[in-house]
Structures are given as C-alpha cells and as structure tokens.
Amino acid sequence: MYDRNIFKIETNHVVPSQGKILISEPFLCDHVFGRSVILLVDYTENGVVGLVLNKPLPISLNEVLDDFKDYRESIPICKGGPLSMDTLFYLHTFRDVRDAIPLEDGVCLNGDFNEIKARMRQGEEEEGGIRFFLGYSGWTYGQLEKEIDENTWIVGEGNRENLMDEKNASCMWQNVMSGLGGKYRMWSRFPQVPIMN
C-alpha cells in the first residue's frame, strides 16, 4: 500500500526573503513559470522582484548590445520574467563592484555596468561568473504569500552553485527540487503533464 500523501502538493513552509529561491510546483502549466526556479532579488512591503534562472532565450547578449558584438564568445541571456523585457539585469560574483546589491553566497545583482564590461574584457568572469537576464518577475504586496499558501511555490535556499549554473539551466528545476529531499525528490521526476507520459 502506498502513501497517497506523496502526491499531495504542499508548501515546505519556508518564509520567502531576498536571496531565497522559488521552485514551481510540478504541475504548474504556465509557459513562463512552469518548472521555473526564481531568485528573489528584492523583497519589501512594496512588493517582490525575482529573476527566473532557468529559461534561456534564443538570443545572445552579443546580438543585443553593440559593446559585445566582437566579444570572444557568445553570451547567453535568460528570460528573467514577463515584466520590462527591455531591461537588462545581471547576476555576478565579481567583488567590490560599485552599486552592486549583495544577495547570497557571494552573488550580487547589477552594479556599475562599465566596470562589469571592463572586468569581463579582462577575463575576470572566468574566475567568478556572470549571468544576464531580460525582464523580471514581480508580485504586489501579499500576492506571493497567497500563491505560496495555494502551493504554487516551494521556497528554497539560494547558493552560488545553483544561482550561477547557466550550463545546466535545462535541468535546474529537477536538481533543486530533488535537493529538497523527501517527497520533493519524487516530485522532481514527475512529468509536467502526467497524461503525456
């Protein structure tokens, strides 16, 4: 006899805050947020801002910004969310960048872009890391908490490894869900649309 509760989607009751990640529940059928992992970059009484970490766009930064047209390699961009798709955000591990916002485990958001470009041209990103995003995800005050209560999201800990792992974006959702252990590990193997299995 199996435990029917293993299939019951429910939150892990971790409180969301800046630097935490949101992991979508397994059956969320939404082209933007289904099987997504979102880093919370701002969390205040005015609302919440996050960046989707695992939805690569079919364009590169080299195609978007003239400053990178002659860069030595193609620089991927992810869709940070459905809002302000004309705005560029970046996560990086460069130390002491002017105006950068520290988030979690040595990872920072934005900062002086001219300084970032200079460091990239000097090859510093090979020692750390940088990821680019167009757009962001946002919630009004209380909206995210309501969605968590409705079991749309599970809250996890952000760490440098999963925040900066661009190469494994396609399996990031499965990896972080499985990393929560217990029944979440089983959920990580569920097909998003069970009838298609």
N, C-alpha and C. Protein backbone atom coordinates (compact mmCIF):
# COMPACT_ATOMS: atom_id res chain seq x y z
N MET A 1 0.85 -1.19 0.00
CA MET A 1 0.00 0.00 0.00
C MET A 1 0.89 1.25 0.00
N TYR A 2 0.62 2.17 -0.91
CA TYR A 2 1.43 3.39 -0.98
C TYR A 2 0.76 4.53 -0.22
N ASP A 3 1.55 5.52 0.12
CA ASP A 3 1.07 6.69 0.86
C ASP A 3 0.51 7.70 -0.13
N ARG A 4 -0.80 7.93 -0.12
CA ARG A 4 -1.43 8.86 -1.06
C ARG A 4 -0.94 10.29 -0.87
N ASN A 5 -0.46 10.63 0.33
CA ASN A 5 0.01 11.99 0.59
C ASN A 5 1.27 12.34 -0.20
N ILE A 6 1.94 11.32 -0.74
CA ILE A 6 3.15 11.59 -1.52
C ILE A 6 2.82 12.43 -2.74
N PHE A 7 1.56 12.36 -3.21
CA PHE A 7 1.14 13.12 -4.39
C PHE A 7 0.49 14.44 -4.03
N LYS A 8 0.36 14.72 -2.73
CA LYS A 8 -0.28 15.96 -2.30
C LYS A 8 0.74 17.10 -2.36
N ILE A 9 0.44 18.08 -3.19
CA ILE A 9 1.33 19.22 -3.34
C ILE A 9 1.11 20.16 -2.16
N GLU A 10 2.16 20.42 -1.42
CA GLU A 10 2.04 21.36 -0.31
C GLU A 10 3.37 22.06 -0.07
N THR A 11 3.27 23.28 0.40
CA THR A 11 4.45 24.09 0.64
C THR A 11 5.33 23.48 1.72
N ASN A 12 6.61 23.88 1.74
CA ASN A 12 7.51 23.42 2.79
C ASN A 12 7.59 24.43 3.94
N HIS A 13 6.78 25.48 3.88
CA HIS A 13 6.61 26.47 4.95
C HIS A 13 7.88 27.28 5.25
N VAL A 14 8.79 27.37 4.30
CA VAL A 14 9.96 28.25 4.44
C VAL A 14 9.52 29.66 4.06
N VAL A 15 9.89 30.64 4.87
CA VAL A 15 9.47 32.02 4.63
C VAL A 15 10.32 32.63 3.51
N PRO A 16 9.67 33.23 2.50
CA PRO A 16 10.44 33.84 1.41
C PRO A 16 11.14 35.12 1.87
N SER A 17 12.29 35.39 1.29
CA SER A 17 13.03 36.63 1.57
C SER A 17 14.06 36.82 0.47
N GLN A 18 14.69 37.98 0.45
CA GLN A 18 15.71 38.26 -0.54
C GLN A 18 16.82 37.21 -0.47
N GLY A 19 17.22 36.69 -1.65
CA GLY A 19 18.26 35.67 -1.71
C GLY A 19 17.74 34.25 -1.73
N LYS A 20 16.47 34.03 -1.35
CA LYS A 20 15.86 32.70 -1.41
C LYS A 20 15.42 32.44 -2.85
N ILE A 21 15.14 31.17 -3.16
CA ILE A 21 14.62 30.83 -4.48
C ILE A 21 13.21 30.27 -4.36
N LEU A 22 12.44 30.48 -5.41
CA LEU A 22 11.11 29.89 -5.54
C LEU A 22 11.21 28.76 -6.55
N ILE A 23 10.63 27.62 -6.22
CA ILE A 23 10.62 26.46 -7.10
C ILE A 23 9.16 26.16 -7.40
N SER A 24 8.79 26.20 -8.68
CA SER A 24 7.37 26.00 -9.02
C SER A 24 6.94 24.56 -8.73
N GLU A 25 5.69 24.42 -8.33
CA GLU A 25 5.17 23.08 -8.09
C GLU A 25 5.17 22.30 -9.40
N PRO A 26 5.21 20.96 -9.32
CA PRO A 26 5.48 20.14 -10.51
C PRO A 26 4.48 20.27 -11.65
N PHE A 27 3.23 20.58 -11.35
CA PHE A 27 2.21 20.53 -12.40
C PHE A 27 1.76 21.92 -12.86
N LEU A 28 2.49 22.96 -12.48
CA LEU A 28 2.14 24.31 -12.90
C LEU A 28 2.32 24.41 -14.42
N CYS A 29 1.21 24.54 -15.13
CA CYS A 29 1.25 24.61 -16.60
C CYS A 29 1.16 26.06 -17.01
N ASP A 30 2.30 26.70 -17.08
CA ASP A 30 2.39 28.12 -17.42
C ASP A 30 3.67 28.28 -18.23
N HIS A 31 3.59 28.92 -19.40
CA HIS A 31 4.77 28.97 -20.27
C HIS A 31 5.92 29.77 -19.67
N VAL A 32 5.64 30.70 -18.76
CA VAL A 32 6.71 31.48 -18.12
C VAL A 32 7.18 30.81 -16.84
N PHE A 33 6.23 30.40 -15.99
CA PHE A 33 6.59 29.96 -14.65
C PHE A 33 6.57 28.44 -14.43
N GLY A 34 6.04 27.67 -15.38
CA GLY A 34 6.06 26.22 -15.24
C GLY A 34 7.49 25.70 -15.18
N ARG A 35 7.78 24.84 -14.19
CA ARG A 35 9.11 24.26 -13.98
C ARG A 35 10.19 25.35 -13.88
N SER A 36 9.87 26.44 -13.21
CA SER A 36 10.83 27.54 -13.09
C SER A 36 11.45 27.58 -11.70
N VAL A 37 12.65 28.17 -11.67
CA VAL A 37 13.37 28.46 -10.44
C VAL A 37 13.62 29.96 -10.46
N ILE A 38 13.16 30.66 -9.43
CA ILE A 38 13.23 32.13 -9.42
C ILE A 38 14.01 32.60 -8.20
N LEU A 39 15.00 33.44 -8.44
CA LEU A 39 15.76 34.05 -7.35
C LEU A 39 15.05 35.34 -6.93
N LEU A 40 14.76 35.48 -5.64
CA LEU A 40 14.16 36.71 -5.12
C LEU A 40 15.26 37.74 -4.90
N VAL A 41 15.24 38.81 -5.69
CA VAL A 41 16.30 39.82 -5.61
C VAL A 41 15.87 41.05 -4.80
N ASP A 42 14.58 41.20 -4.58
CA ASP A 42 14.08 42.30 -3.74
C ASP A 42 12.80 41.83 -3.07
N TYR A 43 12.72 42.05 -1.76
CA TYR A 43 11.56 41.58 -1.00
C TYR A 43 11.27 42.61 0.08
N THR A 44 10.26 43.47 -0.18
CA THR A 44 9.90 44.53 0.76
C THR A 44 8.39 44.62 0.87
N GLU A 45 7.93 45.54 1.72
CA GLU A 45 6.49 45.77 1.85
C GLU A 45 5.90 46.39 0.58
N ASN A 46 6.76 46.89 -0.31
CA ASN A 46 6.29 47.45 -1.58
C ASN A 46 6.07 46.38 -2.65
N GLY A 47 6.57 45.19 -2.42
CA GLY A 47 6.41 44.11 -3.39
C GLY A 47 7.65 43.25 -3.47
N VAL A 48 7.63 42.33 -4.42
CA VAL A 48 8.69 41.35 -4.58
C VAL A 48 9.16 41.35 -6.03
N VAL A 49 10.48 41.28 -6.22
CA VAL A 49 11.07 41.19 -7.56
C VAL A 49 11.94 39.94 -7.60
N GLY A 50 11.81 39.19 -8.70
CA GLY A 50 12.61 37.98 -8.87
C GLY A 50 13.08 37.82 -10.29
N LEU A 51 14.09 36.96 -10.48
CA LEU A 51 14.62 36.62 -11.80
C LEU A 51 14.49 35.12 -12.02
N VAL A 52 13.86 34.73 -13.12
CA VAL A 52 13.77 33.32 -13.48
C VAL A 52 15.16 32.87 -13.92
N LEU A 53 15.70 31.85 -13.30
CA LEU A 53 17.08 31.42 -13.52
C LEU A 53 17.25 30.40 -14.65
N ASN A 54 16.15 29.76 -15.06
CA ASN A 54 16.33 28.59 -15.93
C ASN A 54 15.50 28.63 -17.22
N LYS A 55 15.32 29.83 -17.79
CA LYS A 55 14.57 29.93 -19.05
C LYS A 55 15.42 30.69 -20.09
N PRO A 56 16.36 30.01 -20.74
CA PRO A 56 17.23 30.67 -21.71
C PRO A 56 16.43 31.22 -22.89
N LEU A 57 16.85 32.38 -23.39
CA LEU A 57 16.26 32.97 -24.59
C LEU A 57 17.06 32.53 -25.81
N PRO A 58 16.45 32.55 -27.00
CA PRO A 58 17.16 32.12 -28.20
C PRO A 58 18.04 33.22 -28.81
N ILE A 59 18.47 34.17 -27.99
CA ILE A 59 19.36 35.24 -28.45
C ILE A 59 20.52 35.35 -27.47
N SER A 60 21.57 36.04 -27.90
CA SER A 60 22.72 36.24 -27.03
C SER A 60 22.90 37.73 -26.74
N LEU A 61 23.65 38.02 -25.70
CA LEU A 61 23.96 39.41 -25.36
C LEU A 61 24.71 40.08 -26.51
N ASN A 62 25.50 39.31 -27.24
CA ASN A 62 26.27 39.82 -28.37
C ASN A 62 25.35 40.40 -29.44
N GLU A 63 24.13 39.84 -29.57
CA GLU A 63 23.17 40.33 -30.55
C GLU A 63 22.40 41.55 -30.05
N VAL A 64 22.34 41.72 -28.74
CA VAL A 64 21.53 42.78 -28.15
C VAL A 64 22.33 44.05 -27.91
N LEU A 65 23.59 43.92 -27.47
CA LEU A 65 24.41 45.08 -27.14
C LEU A 65 25.62 45.20 -28.06
N ASP A 66 25.78 46.37 -28.65
CA ASP A 66 26.92 46.62 -29.54
C ASP A 66 28.25 46.40 -28.83
N ASP A 67 28.30 46.72 -27.53
CA ASP A 67 29.55 46.57 -26.76
C ASP A 67 30.10 45.15 -26.79
N PHE A 68 29.24 44.16 -27.08
CA PHE A 68 29.66 42.77 -27.04
C PHE A 68 29.65 42.09 -28.40
N LYS A 69 29.44 42.85 -29.48
CA LYS A 69 29.38 42.26 -30.82
C LYS A 69 30.67 41.52 -31.17
N ASP A 70 31.82 42.04 -30.73
CA ASP A 70 33.09 41.42 -31.06
C ASP A 70 33.67 40.61 -29.90
N TYR A 71 32.83 40.31 -28.91
CA TYR A 71 33.30 39.55 -27.74
C TYR A 71 33.71 38.15 -28.17
N ARG A 72 34.65 37.55 -27.46
CA ARG A 72 35.28 36.29 -27.89
C ARG A 72 34.35 35.08 -27.90
N GLU A 73 33.22 35.17 -27.20
CA GLU A 73 32.29 34.04 -27.19
C GLU A 73 30.86 34.53 -27.06
N SER A 74 29.92 33.67 -27.39
CA SER A 74 28.50 34.01 -27.27
C SER A 74 28.09 34.04 -25.80
N ILE A 75 27.36 35.08 -25.41
CA ILE A 75 26.94 35.25 -24.02
C ILE A 75 25.44 35.02 -23.93
N PRO A 76 25.01 33.94 -23.28
CA PRO A 76 23.58 33.62 -23.20
C PRO A 76 22.80 34.65 -22.36
N ILE A 77 21.50 34.73 -22.64
CA ILE A 77 20.58 35.57 -21.86
C ILE A 77 19.39 34.70 -21.49
N CYS A 78 18.92 34.85 -20.25
CA CYS A 78 17.70 34.18 -19.81
C CYS A 78 16.55 35.18 -19.76
N LYS A 79 15.35 34.66 -19.82
CA LYS A 79 14.16 35.49 -19.63
C LYS A 79 13.92 35.58 -18.13
N GLY A 80 14.20 36.76 -17.57
CA GLY A 80 14.06 36.94 -16.13
C GLY A 80 12.62 36.96 -15.66
N GLY A 81 11.71 37.19 -16.60
CA GLY A 81 10.29 37.24 -16.28
C GLY A 81 9.55 38.04 -17.34
N PRO A 82 8.24 38.14 -17.19
CA PRO A 82 7.43 38.78 -18.23
C PRO A 82 7.38 40.30 -18.16
N LEU A 83 7.95 40.91 -17.13
CA LEU A 83 7.86 42.36 -16.95
C LEU A 83 9.13 43.05 -17.43
N SER A 84 8.98 44.22 -18.06
CA SER A 84 10.11 45.04 -18.52
C SER A 84 11.13 44.23 -19.32
N MET A 85 10.67 43.59 -20.37
CA MET A 85 11.54 42.75 -21.19
C MET A 85 12.60 43.55 -21.95
N ASP A 86 12.57 44.88 -21.83
CA ASP A 86 13.60 45.71 -22.46
C ASP A 86 14.68 46.13 -21.45
N THR A 87 14.61 45.57 -20.24
CA THR A 87 15.57 45.93 -19.18
C THR A 87 16.51 44.76 -18.91
N LEU A 88 17.81 45.06 -18.88
CA LEU A 88 18.83 44.04 -18.65
C LEU A 88 19.21 43.99 -17.16
N PHE A 89 19.21 42.80 -16.60
CA PHE A 89 19.67 42.55 -15.24
C PHE A 89 20.84 41.59 -15.32
N TYR A 90 21.71 41.61 -14.31
CA TYR A 90 22.81 40.67 -14.31
C TYR A 90 23.18 40.27 -12.89
N LEU A 91 23.44 38.98 -12.75
CA LEU A 91 23.94 38.40 -11.50
C LEU A 91 25.42 38.12 -11.73
N HIS A 92 26.23 38.38 -10.72
CA HIS A 92 27.67 38.16 -10.89
C HIS A 92 28.33 37.86 -9.55
N THR A 93 29.56 37.39 -9.64
CA THR A 93 30.33 37.09 -8.43
C THR A 93 31.58 37.97 -8.35
N PHE A 94 31.61 39.05 -9.12
CA PHE A 94 32.74 39.99 -9.02
C PHE A 94 32.71 40.67 -7.65
N ARG A 95 33.87 40.85 -7.05
CA ARG A 95 33.94 41.53 -5.76
C ARG A 95 34.03 43.03 -5.94
N ASP A 96 33.42 43.75 -5.02
CA ASP A 96 33.58 45.20 -4.90
C ASP A 96 33.18 45.98 -6.15
N VAL A 97 32.09 45.61 -6.78
CA VAL A 97 31.58 46.40 -7.91
C VAL A 97 30.71 47.51 -7.34
N ARG A 98 30.98 48.73 -7.77
CA ARG A 98 30.24 49.89 -7.28
C ARG A 98 28.74 49.72 -7.56
N ASP A 99 27.92 49.99 -6.55
CA ASP A 99 26.45 49.97 -6.62
C ASP A 99 25.84 48.57 -6.79
N ALA A 100 26.64 47.51 -6.70
CA ALA A 100 26.09 46.15 -6.77
C ALA A 100 25.34 45.83 -5.48
N ILE A 101 24.28 45.04 -5.59
CA ILE A 101 23.46 44.66 -4.44
C ILE A 101 23.82 43.22 -4.04
N PRO A 102 24.42 43.02 -2.84
CA PRO A 102 24.75 41.65 -2.42
C PRO A 102 23.48 40.86 -2.13
N LEU A 103 23.45 39.60 -2.59
CA LEU A 103 22.26 38.77 -2.40
C LEU A 103 22.53 37.57 -1.51
N GLU A 104 23.34 36.63 -1.98
CA GLU A 104 23.52 35.37 -1.27
C GLU A 104 24.82 34.72 -1.70
N ASP A 105 25.61 34.25 -0.75
CA ASP A 105 26.76 33.40 -1.04
C ASP A 105 27.73 34.01 -2.06
N GLY A 106 27.98 35.32 -1.94
CA GLY A 106 28.91 35.99 -2.85
C GLY A 106 28.34 36.41 -4.17
N VAL A 107 27.05 36.20 -4.37
CA VAL A 107 26.38 36.59 -5.62
C VAL A 107 25.78 37.98 -5.44
N CYS A 108 25.97 38.83 -6.46
CA CYS A 108 25.45 40.21 -6.42
C CYS A 108 24.57 40.47 -7.63
N LEU A 109 23.71 41.48 -7.49
CA LEU A 109 22.83 41.92 -8.57
C LEU A 109 23.30 43.26 -9.09
N ASN A 110 23.42 43.35 -10.42
CA ASN A 110 23.72 44.60 -11.11
C ASN A 110 24.97 45.29 -10.58
N GLY A 111 24.99 46.61 -10.62
CA GLY A 111 26.18 47.38 -10.28
C GLY A 111 26.64 48.16 -11.49
N ASP A 112 27.73 48.89 -11.37
CA ASP A 112 28.25 49.74 -12.43
C ASP A 112 28.57 48.89 -13.67
N PHE A 113 27.80 49.11 -14.75
CA PHE A 113 27.92 48.25 -15.92
C PHE A 113 29.23 48.48 -16.66
N ASN A 114 29.73 49.69 -16.66
CA ASN A 114 31.03 49.95 -17.32
C ASN A 114 32.14 49.16 -16.63
N GLU A 115 32.07 49.09 -15.31
CA GLU A 115 33.05 48.31 -14.56
C GLU A 115 32.92 46.82 -14.87
N ILE A 116 31.67 46.35 -14.95
CA ILE A 116 31.41 44.94 -15.29
C ILE A 116 31.99 44.62 -16.67
N LYS A 117 31.71 45.48 -17.65
CA LYS A 117 32.21 45.24 -19.01
C LYS A 117 33.74 45.18 -19.03
N ALA A 118 34.38 46.11 -18.32
CA ALA A 118 35.85 46.14 -18.27
C ALA A 118 36.39 44.85 -17.66
N ARG A 119 35.77 44.38 -16.60
CA ARG A 119 36.23 43.15 -15.95
C ARG A 119 36.02 41.94 -16.85
N MET A 120 34.91 41.91 -17.58
CA MET A 120 34.67 40.80 -18.50
C MET A 120 35.72 40.80 -19.59
N ARG A 121 36.05 41.95 -20.12
CA ARG A 121 37.06 42.04 -21.20
C ARG A 121 38.44 41.62 -20.69
N GLN A 122 38.67 41.78 -19.39
CA GLN A 122 39.94 41.35 -18.80
C GLN A 122 39.93 39.86 -18.47
N GLY A 123 38.78 39.20 -18.69
CA GLY A 123 38.69 37.76 -18.44
C GLY A 123 38.37 37.38 -17.03
N GLU A 124 37.94 38.34 -16.21
CA GLU A 124 37.69 38.04 -14.79
C GLU A 124 36.49 37.12 -14.58
N GLU A 125 35.55 37.09 -15.55
CA GLU A 125 34.37 36.25 -15.32
C GLU A 125 34.73 34.78 -15.29
N GLU A 126 35.90 34.42 -15.83
CA GLU A 126 36.32 33.03 -15.80
C GLU A 126 36.63 32.59 -14.36
N GLU A 127 36.99 33.52 -13.51
CA GLU A 127 37.29 33.18 -12.11
C GLU A 127 36.01 33.23 -11.26
N GLY A 128 35.03 33.95 -11.71
CA GLY A 128 33.77 34.06 -10.97
C GLY A 128 32.64 33.60 -11.85
N GLY A 129 31.78 34.51 -12.18
CA GLY A 129 30.67 34.17 -13.06
C GLY A 129 29.77 35.37 -13.25
N ILE A 130 29.09 35.39 -14.39
CA ILE A 130 28.10 36.43 -14.65
C ILE A 130 27.00 35.84 -15.51
N ARG A 131 25.78 36.21 -15.21
CA ARG A 131 24.62 35.78 -15.96
C ARG A 131 23.75 36.99 -16.27
N PHE A 132 23.14 36.99 -17.46
CA PHE A 132 22.33 38.11 -17.90
C PHE A 132 20.87 37.68 -18.09
N PHE A 133 19.96 38.64 -17.82
CA PHE A 133 18.53 38.39 -17.88
C PHE A 133 17.82 39.58 -18.50
N LEU A 134 16.85 39.30 -19.36
CA LEU A 134 15.97 40.36 -19.85
C LEU A 134 14.64 40.22 -19.13
N GLY A 135 14.20 41.31 -18.52
CA GLY A 135 12.93 41.30 -17.81
C GLY A 135 13.05 40.75 -16.40
N TYR A 136 11.94 40.85 -15.67
CA TYR A 136 11.90 40.35 -14.30
C TYR A 136 10.50 39.85 -13.98
N SER A 137 10.38 39.20 -12.85
CA SER A 137 9.09 38.72 -12.34
C SER A 137 8.75 39.57 -11.12
N GLY A 138 7.48 39.89 -10.95
CA GLY A 138 7.10 40.73 -9.83
C GLY A 138 5.77 40.35 -9.21
N TRP A 139 5.65 40.64 -7.93
CA TRP A 139 4.43 40.39 -7.18
C TRP A 139 4.13 41.62 -6.33
N THR A 140 2.87 41.97 -6.20
CA THR A 140 2.48 43.05 -5.29
C THR A 140 2.49 42.53 -3.86
N TYR A 141 2.39 43.44 -2.92
CA TYR A 141 2.42 43.08 -1.51
C TYR A 141 1.35 42.02 -1.21
N GLY A 142 1.75 40.90 -0.65
CA GLY A 142 0.83 39.83 -0.26
C GLY A 142 0.53 38.83 -1.37
N GLN A 143 0.79 39.19 -2.62
CA GLN A 143 0.45 38.31 -3.74
C GLN A 143 1.28 37.02 -3.71
N LEU A 144 2.59 37.14 -3.49
CA LEU A 144 3.43 35.95 -3.47
C LEU A 144 3.06 35.04 -2.30
N GLU A 145 2.81 35.62 -1.14
CA GLU A 145 2.43 34.82 0.03
C GLU A 145 1.15 34.03 -0.25
N LYS A 146 0.22 34.66 -0.96
CA LYS A 146 -1.03 33.98 -1.32
C LYS A 146 -0.73 32.79 -2.24
N GLU A 147 0.14 33.00 -3.21
CA GLU A 147 0.49 31.92 -4.13
C GLU A 147 1.21 30.78 -3.40
N ILE A 148 2.04 31.13 -2.42
CA ILE A 148 2.72 30.09 -1.63
C ILE A 148 1.68 29.31 -0.80
N ASP A 149 0.72 30.02 -0.21
CA ASP A 149 -0.35 29.36 0.55
C ASP A 149 -1.18 28.43 -0.34
N GLU A 150 -1.26 28.78 -1.64
CA GLU A 150 -2.01 27.96 -2.59
C GLU A 150 -1.14 26.82 -3.15
N ASN A 151 0.07 26.70 -2.63
CA ASN A 151 1.01 25.64 -3.00
C ASN A 151 1.51 25.73 -4.45
N THR A 152 1.61 26.96 -4.95
CA THR A 152 2.17 27.17 -6.28
C THR A 152 3.69 27.12 -6.23
N TRP A 153 4.26 27.57 -5.10
CA TRP A 153 5.71 27.67 -4.96
C TRP A 153 6.21 26.96 -3.71
N ILE A 154 7.42 26.41 -3.82
CA ILE A 154 8.16 25.90 -2.68
C ILE A 154 9.37 26.83 -2.54
N VAL A 155 9.69 27.23 -1.34
CA VAL A 155 10.79 28.17 -1.11
C VAL A 155 12.04 27.38 -0.75
N GLY A 156 13.15 27.71 -1.42
CA GLY A 156 14.41 27.03 -1.16
C GLY A 156 15.52 28.02 -0.87
N GLU A 157 16.66 27.51 -0.51
CA GLU A 157 17.84 28.34 -0.24
C GLU A 157 18.61 28.57 -1.54
N GLY A 158 18.98 29.83 -1.77
CA GLY A 158 19.84 30.11 -2.91
C GLY A 158 21.29 29.85 -2.53
N ASN A 159 22.06 29.32 -3.45
CA ASN A 159 23.50 29.20 -3.21
C ASN A 159 24.23 29.47 -4.53
N ARG A 160 25.48 29.79 -4.40
CA ARG A 160 26.27 30.20 -5.57
C ARG A 160 26.21 29.18 -6.70
N GLU A 161 26.25 27.91 -6.32
CA GLU A 161 26.27 26.85 -7.34
C GLU A 161 25.00 26.86 -8.19
N ASN A 162 23.81 26.89 -7.55
CA ASN A 162 22.60 26.83 -8.37
C ASN A 162 22.22 28.18 -8.97
N LEU A 163 22.64 29.29 -8.35
CA LEU A 163 22.31 30.59 -8.91
C LEU A 163 23.12 30.90 -10.17
N MET A 164 24.36 30.44 -10.21
CA MET A 164 25.25 30.81 -11.31
C MET A 164 25.43 29.69 -12.34
N ASP A 165 24.71 28.59 -12.20
CA ASP A 165 24.89 27.45 -13.09
C ASP A 165 24.07 27.60 -14.37
N GLU A 166 24.61 28.34 -15.30
CA GLU A 166 23.91 28.59 -16.56
C GLU A 166 23.93 27.38 -17.48
N LYS A 167 24.99 26.59 -17.41
CA LYS A 167 25.13 25.46 -18.33
C LYS A 167 24.07 24.39 -18.10
N ASN A 168 23.59 24.28 -16.87
CA ASN A 168 22.61 23.25 -16.55
C ASN A 168 21.21 23.82 -16.33
N ALA A 169 20.91 24.93 -17.00
CA ALA A 169 19.61 25.58 -16.82
C ALA A 169 18.46 24.64 -17.15
N SER A 170 18.64 23.78 -18.15
CA SER A 170 17.55 22.90 -18.58
C SER A 170 17.16 21.88 -17.51
N CYS A 171 18.09 21.53 -16.60
CA CYS A 171 17.74 20.57 -15.55
C CYS A 171 17.78 21.20 -14.15
N MET A 172 17.84 22.53 -14.08
CA MET A 172 17.93 23.21 -12.79
C MET A 172 16.71 22.93 -11.93
N TRP A 173 15.52 22.97 -12.50
CA TRP A 173 14.31 22.74 -11.71
C TRP A 173 14.36 21.36 -11.05
N GLN A 174 14.68 20.33 -11.83
CA GLN A 174 14.75 18.98 -11.28
C GLN A 174 15.81 18.89 -10.19
N ASN A 175 16.96 19.53 -10.41
CA ASN A 175 18.05 19.44 -9.44
C ASN A 175 17.71 20.09 -8.11
N VAL A 176 17.14 21.31 -8.15
CA VAL A 176 16.85 21.98 -6.88
C VAL A 176 15.65 21.35 -6.18
N MET A 177 14.67 20.88 -6.95
CA MET A 177 13.53 20.19 -6.34
C MET A 177 14.01 18.90 -5.67
N SER A 178 14.82 18.14 -6.36
CA SER A 178 15.34 16.89 -5.80
C SER A 178 16.20 17.16 -4.57
N GLY A 179 16.94 18.28 -4.59
CA GLY A 179 17.81 18.63 -3.48
C GLY A 179 17.08 18.91 -2.18
N LEU A 180 15.76 19.15 -2.25
CA LEU A 180 14.97 19.37 -1.04
C LEU A 180 14.72 18.07 -0.28
N GLY A 181 14.94 16.94 -0.95
CA GLY A 181 14.80 15.63 -0.30
C GLY A 181 13.36 15.18 -0.13
N GLY A 182 13.18 14.04 0.50
CA GLY A 182 11.86 13.50 0.79
C GLY A 182 10.98 13.39 -0.44
N LYS A 183 9.69 13.76 -0.28
CA LYS A 183 8.77 13.62 -1.40
C LYS A 183 9.07 14.60 -2.52
N TYR A 184 9.80 15.68 -2.20
CA TYR A 184 10.18 16.63 -3.26
C TYR A 184 11.09 15.95 -4.28
N ARG A 185 11.92 15.00 -3.82
CA ARG A 185 12.77 14.26 -4.75
C ARG A 185 11.91 13.47 -5.73
N MET A 186 10.81 12.88 -5.23
CA MET A 186 9.92 12.14 -6.12
C MET A 186 9.22 13.10 -7.09
N TRP A 187 8.81 14.27 -6.59
CA TRP A 187 8.15 15.25 -7.46
C TRP A 187 9.05 15.67 -8.61
N SER A 188 10.36 15.71 -8.36
CA SER A 188 11.29 16.17 -9.40
C SER A 188 11.27 15.24 -10.62
N ARG A 189 10.76 14.04 -10.44
CA ARG A 189 10.71 13.07 -11.55
C ARG A 189 9.34 12.99 -12.21
N PHE A 190 8.35 13.73 -11.68
CA PHE A 190 7.01 13.70 -12.26
C PHE A 190 7.02 14.41 -13.61
N PRO A 191 6.31 13.88 -14.62
CA PRO A 191 6.12 14.64 -15.86
C PRO A 191 5.23 15.85 -15.57
N GLN A 192 5.49 16.96 -16.27
CA GLN A 192 4.72 18.18 -16.02
C GLN A 192 3.25 17.99 -16.37
N VAL A 193 3.01 17.25 -17.45
CA VAL A 193 1.63 16.92 -17.85
C VAL A 193 1.54 15.40 -17.80
N PRO A 194 1.04 14.84 -16.67
CA PRO A 194 1.06 13.38 -16.48
C PRO A 194 0.40 12.59 -17.60
N ILE A 195 -0.63 13.13 -18.22
CA ILE A 195 -1.33 12.41 -19.28
C ILE A 195 -0.45 12.20 -20.51
N MET A 196 0.63 13.03 -20.62
CA MET A 196 1.52 12.91 -21.78
C MET A 196 2.62 11.88 -21.55
N ASN A 197 2.66 11.29 -20.36
CA ASN A 197 3.73 10.33 -20.04
C ASN A 197 3.50 9.00 -20.72
